[in-house]
Amino acid sequence: FSYRFVSNWKTATQFLSQMINLRGLIVSGASLLSLVVTAPTAFVSAQFVQDHQHTYFDPIEYHFSSQALTVVPPPEGGELNEYAFVANMKPQDILDRQFTRPLIVKLKPNMPADKAFDFNWGKTYYFADEMGGSATQTHLYARDIHHVDFGDGNAGYIICGKVTNGKVLQTDAGSFLLLTDLDGNSLKFMVYSGIKELNSVVPTKGNVNRPGFVAVGTHTKQQGKREYDTAAYLSVNIDLSPRCLSVTAGKWPDTAHSRTSSTFKKIIQYGQDDFAMVGHSSKDLTRCNTKDTDILVSIKDGSCDTIAGYHYGQGTSSDAYNEEFGMSLGEYKLGSGKGLVITGRVKQTKLSCTDSFNPTYEDGFIMRLNNALNLKYFQRFD
């Protein structure tokens, strides 16, 4: 395992951000009936692997893939944090493994060593009219989960993700937020058909923010016969009704918006009242995936106003594009709002469809930005 310091870094370029009229965002609420589909006697915490690591499976062979993990503060009288993760599964008992739904799995603390991360409960979700055995042909792909403290001793989870329709050929149907109580029972479910996907979500905190949530993902815009993606930032109230929506597009010299594609992948609380997000933006996408991609970074407030934002990337080589994809981020000093640490992946892509080129690398990276979002360092690992 090695790393390399990249020196030919392009100067950060500002991007374009704009507010969206919420009248164009179609919002629909739906009733969800939550069922316990696994119990501690059926859902097995598999062999003890190493250093408190477990694998989890169901003996009835439910298929699922984990997506995100959240820390759950200890219950009253407890001292150790607990954990919950969200996964995607195709339940068999009602939907006959044809449609994907979120699965929340609650885990116990990582102590004592012989019972680390023991299974507590697991729940998945169905629409109320599916109890008769027929499915709505709606897939819900979870992307992120976050523990929520409502105050007054109440808590729960917020989940975000993507909605598609269809049994075999799936079509985009928007994004969703699902709010549950601490036992995983659904409280509120909302679909935002104007947003292609929501990849990450956090509750709003601070002195100036109203109770609610902010989430990031992808917004698709139609221009003539062509669709192109912009990075989406959605702010909602505690009842999941939308407060505001803004979209962000990468900007290259002499490149029209219709030739760019942007998305946000992760959002965090930044300082006391703001939010930081990271993703990527690509230009000149062709049918053979020849493109240039940069890391997209933005700081916004709870009212969808952009405080700062740039995209970053290496210069084009003589025979290849260097593509950087921002995937996750954290504050350099927690709660300070004075810089970011970003991780992701970086690779090379051929310059044109006719080139015969084998990429020389596809690696991970870590980079640090100071409080002015200027690059402090970038290191690539292979």
Protein backbone atom coordinates (compact mmCIF):
# COMPACT_ATOMS: atom_id res chain seq x y z
CA PHE A 1 0.00 0.00 0.00
CA SER A 2 1.56 3.29 -1.07
CA TYR A 3 0.63 6.89 -1.68
CA ARG A 4 1.73 9.58 -4.07
CA PHE A 5 1.60 13.33 -3.74
CA VAL A 6 -0.03 14.97 -6.75
CA SER A 7 1.55 18.29 -7.68
CA ASN A 8 -0.10 19.26 -10.99
CA TRP A 9 -3.34 20.39 -9.33
CA LYS A 10 -5.58 22.83 -11.13
CA THR A 11 -6.59 26.08 -9.51
CA ALA A 12 -9.98 25.78 -7.86
CA THR A 13 -12.76 27.01 -10.10
CA GLN A 14 -16.01 28.53 -8.91
CA PHE A 15 -19.23 26.91 -10.05
CA LEU A 16 -22.75 28.11 -10.71
CA SER A 17 -25.56 27.63 -8.19
CA GLN A 18 -29.20 28.62 -8.46
CA MET A 19 -32.41 28.36 -6.47
CA ILE A 20 -35.29 26.27 -7.84
CA ASN A 21 -38.94 27.31 -7.67
CA LEU A 22 -40.58 24.73 -5.41
CA ARG A 23 -43.71 24.75 -7.56
CA GLY A 24 -41.74 22.56 -9.96
CA LEU A 25 -41.01 20.01 -7.22
CA ILE A 26 -43.84 17.50 -7.06
CA VAL A 27 -44.13 16.12 -3.54
CA SER A 28 -46.30 13.22 -2.49
CA GLY A 29 -46.79 11.56 0.87
CA ALA A 30 -47.66 7.88 1.22
CA SER A 31 -48.71 5.65 4.08
CA LEU A 32 -46.08 3.08 5.00
CA LEU A 33 -46.78 0.11 7.22
CA SER A 34 -43.64 -1.11 8.97
CA LEU A 35 -43.31 -4.80 9.76
CA VAL A 36 -40.81 -6.74 11.82
CA VAL A 37 -39.43 -9.14 9.24
CA THR A 38 -36.56 -10.47 11.31
CA ALA A 39 -36.37 -11.31 14.99
CA PRO A 40 -33.36 -12.10 17.18
CA THR A 41 -34.20 -15.81 16.91
CA ALA A 42 -34.21 -15.73 13.09
CA PHE A 43 -31.69 -13.05 12.17
CA VAL A 44 -28.26 -14.49 12.87
CA SER A 45 -25.11 -12.68 13.90
CA ALA A 46 -22.65 -14.91 12.12
CA GLN A 47 -19.19 -16.07 13.07
CA PHE A 48 -16.94 -13.81 15.10
CA VAL A 49 -14.42 -12.64 12.53
CA GLN A 50 -11.81 -10.39 14.14
CA ASP A 51 -11.58 -7.30 16.31
CA HIS A 52 -15.31 -7.12 17.03
CA GLN A 53 -16.40 -7.64 13.43
CA HIS A 54 -19.48 -9.68 12.60
CA THR A 55 -21.33 -10.59 9.47
CA TYR A 56 -25.13 -10.71 9.52
CA PHE A 57 -27.41 -12.95 7.49
CA ASP A 58 -30.89 -14.46 7.57
CA PRO A 59 -31.29 -18.24 7.46
CA ILE A 60 -34.25 -17.82 5.05
CA GLU A 61 -31.72 -16.22 2.67
CA TYR A 62 -33.02 -12.68 2.48
CA HIS A 63 -30.60 -10.86 0.20
CA PHE A 64 -29.46 -7.40 1.28
CA SER A 65 -26.55 -4.99 0.87
CA SER A 66 -25.57 -2.52 3.62
CA GLN A 67 -25.37 1.18 2.69
CA ALA A 68 -24.63 3.38 5.72
CA LEU A 69 -24.09 3.30 9.50
CA THR A 70 -25.13 5.75 12.22
CA VAL A 71 -24.10 6.04 15.87
CA VAL A 72 -26.95 5.82 18.39
CA PRO A 73 -26.32 7.50 21.77
CA PRO A 74 -26.64 5.18 24.77
CA PRO A 75 -30.10 4.76 26.31
CA GLU A 76 -30.86 6.29 29.68
CA GLY A 77 -28.57 4.76 32.26
CA GLY A 78 -26.25 3.36 29.60
CA GLU A 79 -22.62 4.30 28.92
CA LEU A 80 -21.82 2.78 25.52
CA ASN A 81 -23.00 3.96 22.11
CA GLU A 82 -25.16 1.65 20.05
CA TYR A 83 -25.38 1.50 16.24
CA ALA A 84 -27.85 1.14 13.39
CA PHE A 85 -27.27 0.56 9.70
CA VAL A 86 -29.52 0.70 6.68
CA ALA A 87 -29.42 -1.86 3.88
CA ASN A 88 -31.38 -2.66 0.72
CA MET A 89 -33.20 -5.96 0.50
CA LYS A 90 -35.77 -7.80 -1.61
CA PRO A 91 -38.19 -9.29 0.93
CA GLN A 92 -39.78 -12.61 0.07
CA ASP A 93 -42.72 -12.92 2.43
CA ILE A 94 -44.93 -10.33 0.70
CA LEU A 95 -43.05 -8.99 -2.34
CA ASP A 96 -41.54 -12.35 -3.36
CA ARG A 97 -38.07 -10.82 -3.86
CA GLN A 98 -39.16 -8.72 -6.81
CA PHE A 99 -38.88 -5.24 -5.29
CA THR A 100 -36.21 -3.51 -3.23
CA ARG A 101 -36.96 -1.90 0.13
CA PRO A 102 -34.89 -0.41 2.99
CA LEU A 103 -33.94 -2.59 5.95
CA ILE A 104 -32.91 -0.96 9.24
CA VAL A 105 -30.79 -3.15 11.53
CA LYS A 106 -30.25 -2.04 15.14
CA LEU A 107 -27.06 -3.28 16.84
CA LYS A 108 -26.02 -3.32 20.48
CA PRO A 109 -22.73 -1.79 21.78
CA ASN A 110 -19.33 -3.16 20.80
CA MET A 111 -18.73 -4.44 24.33
CA PRO A 112 -18.31 -6.95 25.93
CA ALA A 113 -15.97 -8.55 23.45
CA ASP A 114 -17.88 -11.82 23.21
CA LYS A 115 -21.14 -9.96 22.41
CA ALA A 116 -19.84 -7.04 20.36
CA PHE A 117 -22.38 -5.53 17.92
CA ASP A 118 -25.02 -8.10 18.83
CA PHE A 119 -28.19 -7.93 16.77
CA ASN A 120 -31.10 -6.07 18.42
CA TRP A 121 -33.84 -5.82 15.77
CA GLY A 122 -34.41 -5.42 12.03
CA LYS A 123 -37.31 -3.85 10.13
CA THR A 124 -38.27 -3.31 6.53
CA TYR A 125 -41.14 -1.34 5.02
CA TYR A 126 -44.16 -1.95 2.81
CA PHE A 127 -46.90 0.26 1.45
CA ALA A 128 -50.17 -0.33 3.25
CA ASP A 129 -51.97 -1.70 0.18
CA GLU A 130 -49.29 -4.39 -0.27
CA MET A 131 -50.47 -6.37 2.74
CA GLY A 132 -52.80 -8.31 0.46
CA GLY A 133 -49.83 -9.78 -1.37
CA SER A 134 -49.64 -7.50 -4.41
CA ALA A 135 -46.73 -5.10 -4.82
CA THR A 136 -46.91 -1.53 -6.08
CA GLN A 137 -43.92 -2.15 -8.39
CA THR A 138 -42.06 0.60 -6.52
CA HIS A 139 -38.41 0.16 -5.52
CA LEU A 140 -36.98 2.17 -2.62
CA TYR A 141 -33.17 2.18 -2.63
CA ALA A 142 -31.78 3.52 0.66
CA ARG A 143 -28.52 5.49 0.50
CA ASP A 144 -28.01 6.96 3.99
CA ILE A 145 -29.25 6.86 7.59
CA HIS A 146 -28.78 9.32 10.44
CA HIS A 147 -29.84 9.21 14.08
CA VAL A 148 -32.18 12.07 15.01
CA ASP A 149 -32.78 13.59 18.46
CA PHE A 150 -36.17 15.33 18.53
CA GLY A 151 -35.74 16.54 22.12
CA ASP A 152 -38.01 15.79 25.10
CA GLY A 153 -36.61 12.28 25.20
CA ASN A 154 -37.81 11.43 21.67
CA ALA A 155 -35.46 10.16 18.98
CA GLY A 156 -35.50 8.26 15.72
CA TYR A 157 -33.88 7.83 12.31
CA ILE A 158 -33.98 9.66 8.98
CA ILE A 159 -33.30 7.69 5.79
CA CYS A 160 -32.84 9.02 2.25
CA GLY A 161 -32.66 7.30 -1.10
CA LYS A 162 -33.89 6.78 -4.64
CA VAL A 163 -37.28 5.68 -6.03
CA THR A 164 -37.79 3.67 -9.23
CA ASN A 165 -40.85 2.03 -10.77
CA GLY A 166 -41.14 -1.17 -12.77
CA LYS A 167 -40.72 -4.90 -12.31
CA VAL A 168 -38.06 -5.58 -14.96
CA LEU A 169 -37.22 -2.29 -16.67
CA GLN A 170 -36.99 0.30 -13.91
CA THR A 171 -37.62 4.00 -14.51
CA ASP A 172 -36.62 6.90 -12.28
CA ALA A 173 -39.48 8.11 -10.08
CA GLY A 174 -37.69 10.55 -7.79
CA SER A 175 -36.16 10.43 -4.33
CA PHE A 176 -37.50 9.84 -0.82
CA LEU A 177 -37.08 10.66 2.85
CA LEU A 178 -38.33 8.26 5.52
CA LEU A 179 -38.59 9.32 9.17
CA THR A 180 -38.98 6.66 11.88
CA ASP A 181 -39.05 6.51 15.65
CA LEU A 182 -36.28 4.90 17.67
CA ASP A 183 -37.87 1.47 17.23
CA GLY A 184 -37.90 1.81 13.45
CA ASN A 185 -41.65 2.43 13.14
CA SER A 186 -42.43 4.80 10.26
CA LEU A 187 -43.58 8.31 11.18
CA LYS A 188 -43.44 10.11 7.83
CA PHE A 189 -42.61 9.17 4.25
CA MET A 190 -42.22 11.65 1.41
CA VAL A 191 -41.34 11.28 -2.28
CA TYR A 192 -39.79 14.18 -4.24
CA SER A 193 -40.33 13.35 -7.89
CA GLY A 194 -38.35 16.39 -9.10
CA ILE A 195 -35.12 15.03 -7.58
CA LYS A 196 -33.49 12.01 -9.19
CA GLU A 197 -31.83 10.71 -6.01
CA LEU A 198 -30.86 11.72 -2.47
CA ASN A 199 -27.51 10.29 -1.40
CA SER A 200 -26.94 11.77 2.06
CA VAL A 201 -29.00 13.44 4.82
CA VAL A 202 -28.40 15.13 8.20
CA PRO A 203 -30.66 16.87 10.73
CA THR A 204 -30.43 20.67 10.96
CA LYS A 205 -28.78 21.99 14.11
CA GLY A 206 -27.44 25.31 15.30
CA ASN A 207 -28.63 28.68 16.51
CA VAL A 208 -30.36 29.88 13.33
CA ASN A 209 -31.72 26.69 11.79
CA ARG A 210 -35.30 25.53 12.24
CA PRO A 211 -35.84 21.84 13.11
CA GLY A 212 -35.69 19.76 9.97
CA PHE A 213 -33.27 18.06 7.60
CA VAL A 214 -30.98 18.82 4.68
CA ALA A 215 -30.15 16.27 2.01
CA VAL A 216 -28.03 16.18 -1.15
CA GLY A 217 -28.15 14.21 -4.38
CA THR A 218 -28.93 14.69 -8.06
CA HIS A 219 -31.50 16.83 -9.85
CA THR A 220 -32.26 16.09 -13.52
CA LYS A 221 -33.13 18.97 -15.84
CA GLN A 222 -34.58 18.74 -19.33
CA GLN A 223 -33.02 20.94 -22.01
CA GLY A 224 -34.59 20.28 -25.39
CA LYS A 225 -34.32 16.57 -26.07
CA ARG A 226 -31.46 16.11 -23.64
CA GLU A 227 -31.41 15.61 -19.89
CA TYR A 228 -28.47 16.65 -17.76
CA ASP A 229 -27.77 16.24 -14.06
CA THR A 230 -27.06 18.97 -11.54
CA ALA A 231 -26.08 18.57 -7.90
CA ALA A 232 -29.14 18.97 -5.65
CA TYR A 233 -29.42 20.43 -2.14
CA LEU A 234 -32.81 20.04 -0.44
CA SER A 235 -33.87 21.60 2.86
CA VAL A 236 -37.07 20.29 4.50
CA ASN A 237 -39.04 20.91 7.67
CA ILE A 238 -39.44 18.37 10.46
CA ASP A 239 -42.58 17.02 8.72
CA LEU A 240 -40.48 16.52 5.54
CA SER A 241 -42.31 19.27 3.62
CA PRO A 242 -39.79 21.08 1.37
CA ARG A 243 -38.39 24.40 2.52
CA CYS A 244 -36.09 25.15 -0.43
CA LEU A 245 -34.11 23.47 -3.20
CA SER A 246 -30.98 24.64 -4.99
CA VAL A 247 -28.98 23.03 -7.79
CA THR A 248 -25.30 23.34 -8.60
CA ALA A 249 -23.52 22.80 -11.92
CA GLY A 250 -19.80 22.53 -12.55
CA LYS A 251 -18.28 25.27 -14.69
CA TRP A 252 -15.50 24.94 -17.23
CA PRO A 253 -14.41 27.65 -19.68
CA ASP A 254 -16.37 27.48 -22.95
CA THR A 255 -18.53 24.61 -21.69
CA ALA A 256 -22.32 24.93 -21.71
CA HIS A 257 -24.41 23.58 -18.84
CA SER A 258 -25.93 21.01 -21.16
CA ARG A 259 -22.48 19.40 -21.49
CA THR A 260 -21.92 18.97 -17.76
CA SER A 261 -23.18 16.44 -15.23
CA SER A 262 -22.96 17.05 -11.46
CA THR A 263 -23.98 15.36 -8.21
CA PHE A 264 -23.45 15.63 -4.45
CA LYS A 265 -22.60 12.41 -2.58
CA LYS A 266 -22.20 13.43 1.09
CA ILE A 267 -23.31 16.23 3.43
CA ILE A 268 -22.25 17.08 7.00
CA GLN A 269 -22.89 19.78 9.57
CA TYR A 270 -20.16 22.42 9.13
CA GLY A 271 -19.45 24.66 12.10
CA GLN A 272 -22.51 25.62 14.13
CA ASP A 273 -25.07 26.65 11.51
CA ASP A 274 -23.89 25.65 8.01
CA PHE A 275 -23.50 22.50 5.95
CA ALA A 276 -20.66 21.19 3.78
CA MET A 277 -21.14 18.82 0.87
CA VAL A 278 -18.95 17.01 -1.66
CA GLY A 279 -19.55 15.28 -4.97
CA HIS A 280 -18.24 15.55 -8.49
CA SER A 281 -18.91 17.25 -11.80
CA SER A 282 -18.08 15.94 -15.29
CA LYS A 283 -17.89 17.63 -18.66
CA ASP A 284 -18.05 16.38 -22.24
CA LEU A 285 -19.64 13.04 -21.41
CA THR A 286 -19.78 10.85 -24.52
CA ARG A 287 -21.28 7.47 -25.30
CA CYS A 288 -17.95 5.78 -24.53
CA ASN A 289 -17.66 7.57 -21.14
CA THR A 290 -14.78 9.80 -22.20
CA LYS A 291 -14.98 12.77 -19.83
CA ASP A 292 -13.15 15.02 -17.40
CA THR A 293 -14.36 14.94 -13.79
CA ASP A 294 -13.56 17.24 -10.87
CA ILE A 295 -14.33 17.20 -7.14
CA LEU A 296 -17.30 19.44 -6.31
CA VAL A 297 -17.39 21.16 -2.88
CA SER A 298 -19.94 23.61 -1.49
CA ILE A 299 -20.86 25.29 1.80
CA LYS A 300 -24.56 26.24 2.17
CA ASP A 301 -26.94 27.34 4.90
CA GLY A 302 -30.33 25.96 5.87
CA SER A 303 -32.06 28.42 3.51
CA CYS A 304 -30.24 27.01 0.45
CA ASP A 305 -27.99 30.06 0.07
CA THR A 306 -24.47 29.22 -1.17
CA ILE A 307 -21.73 30.57 1.09
CA ALA A 308 -18.77 29.18 -0.85
CA GLY A 309 -18.08 26.58 -3.50
CA TYR A 310 -15.40 25.31 -5.86
CA HIS A 311 -14.41 22.31 -7.88
CA TYR A 312 -10.92 20.83 -7.92
CA GLY A 313 -9.02 18.57 -10.29
CA GLN A 314 -5.71 17.61 -11.82
CA GLY A 315 -4.75 18.95 -15.22
CA THR A 316 -5.30 16.86 -18.36
CA SER A 317 -2.35 14.65 -19.27
CA SER A 318 -0.99 14.37 -22.78
CA ASP A 319 -2.93 11.16 -23.42
CA ALA A 320 -5.66 11.01 -20.75
CA TYR A 321 -8.13 12.83 -18.56
CA ASN A 322 -7.47 12.65 -14.82
CA GLU A 323 -10.81 12.14 -13.08
CA GLU A 324 -11.45 12.83 -9.38
CA PHE A 325 -14.67 11.76 -7.62
CA GLY A 326 -15.44 13.23 -4.18
CA MET A 327 -17.27 10.60 -2.10
CA SER A 328 -17.12 11.61 1.58
CA LEU A 329 -15.92 14.42 3.86
CA GLY A 330 -15.44 15.50 7.46
CA GLU A 331 -14.51 18.66 9.34
CA TYR A 332 -10.78 19.11 9.94
CA LYS A 333 -11.64 20.05 13.53
CA LEU A 334 -15.10 18.91 14.59
CA GLY A 335 -17.56 21.77 15.08
CA SER A 336 -15.09 24.48 14.08
CA GLY A 337 -16.10 25.20 10.47
CA LYS A 338 -12.41 25.73 9.69
CA GLY A 339 -11.54 23.32 6.94
CA LEU A 340 -12.43 19.96 5.44
CA VAL A 341 -10.90 16.55 4.85
CA ILE A 342 -12.25 14.83 1.71
CA THR A 343 -11.87 11.27 0.46
CA GLY A 344 -12.79 9.64 -2.84
CA ARG A 345 -11.37 7.93 -5.86
CA VAL A 346 -9.22 9.07 -8.78
CA LYS A 347 -8.57 7.45 -12.15
CA GLN A 348 -7.49 8.09 -15.73
CA THR A 349 -9.83 8.05 -18.74
CA LYS A 350 -8.82 8.12 -22.40
CA LEU A 351 -9.11 11.44 -24.24
CA SER A 352 -11.37 10.26 -27.05
CA CYS A 353 -13.45 7.27 -28.14
CA THR A 354 -10.93 6.38 -30.85
CA ASP A 355 -7.91 6.25 -28.53
CA SER A 356 -6.59 2.84 -27.53
CA PHE A 357 -5.62 3.62 -23.96
CA ASN A 358 -5.33 1.53 -20.83
CA PRO A 359 -5.68 3.67 -17.68
CA THR A 360 -2.51 3.61 -15.61
CA TYR A 361 -4.27 3.86 -12.26
CA GLU A 362 -7.57 3.89 -10.36
CA ASP A 363 -6.87 4.72 -6.73
CA GLY A 364 -8.24 6.29 -3.57
CA PHE A 365 -7.30 9.77 -2.39
CA ILE A 366 -7.42 12.05 0.63
CA MET A 367 -7.26 15.84 0.45
CA ARG A 368 -7.46 18.69 2.92
CA LEU A 369 -8.92 22.18 2.41
CA ASN A 370 -8.35 25.09 4.79
CA ASN A 371 -11.10 27.42 6.03
CA ALA A 372 -10.90 29.41 2.77
CA LEU A 373 -11.33 26.11 0.85
CA ASN A 374 -7.78 26.41 -0.54
CA LEU A 375 -5.99 23.12 -1.11
CA LYS A 376 -3.54 22.16 1.65
CA TYR A 377 -2.58 18.72 0.31
CA PHE A 378 -3.79 15.90 -1.94
CA GLN A 379 -2.45 12.35 -1.71
CA ARG A 380 -3.31 9.38 -3.89
CA PHE A 381 -3.13 5.83 -2.55
CA ASP A 382 -2.69 2.65 -4.61
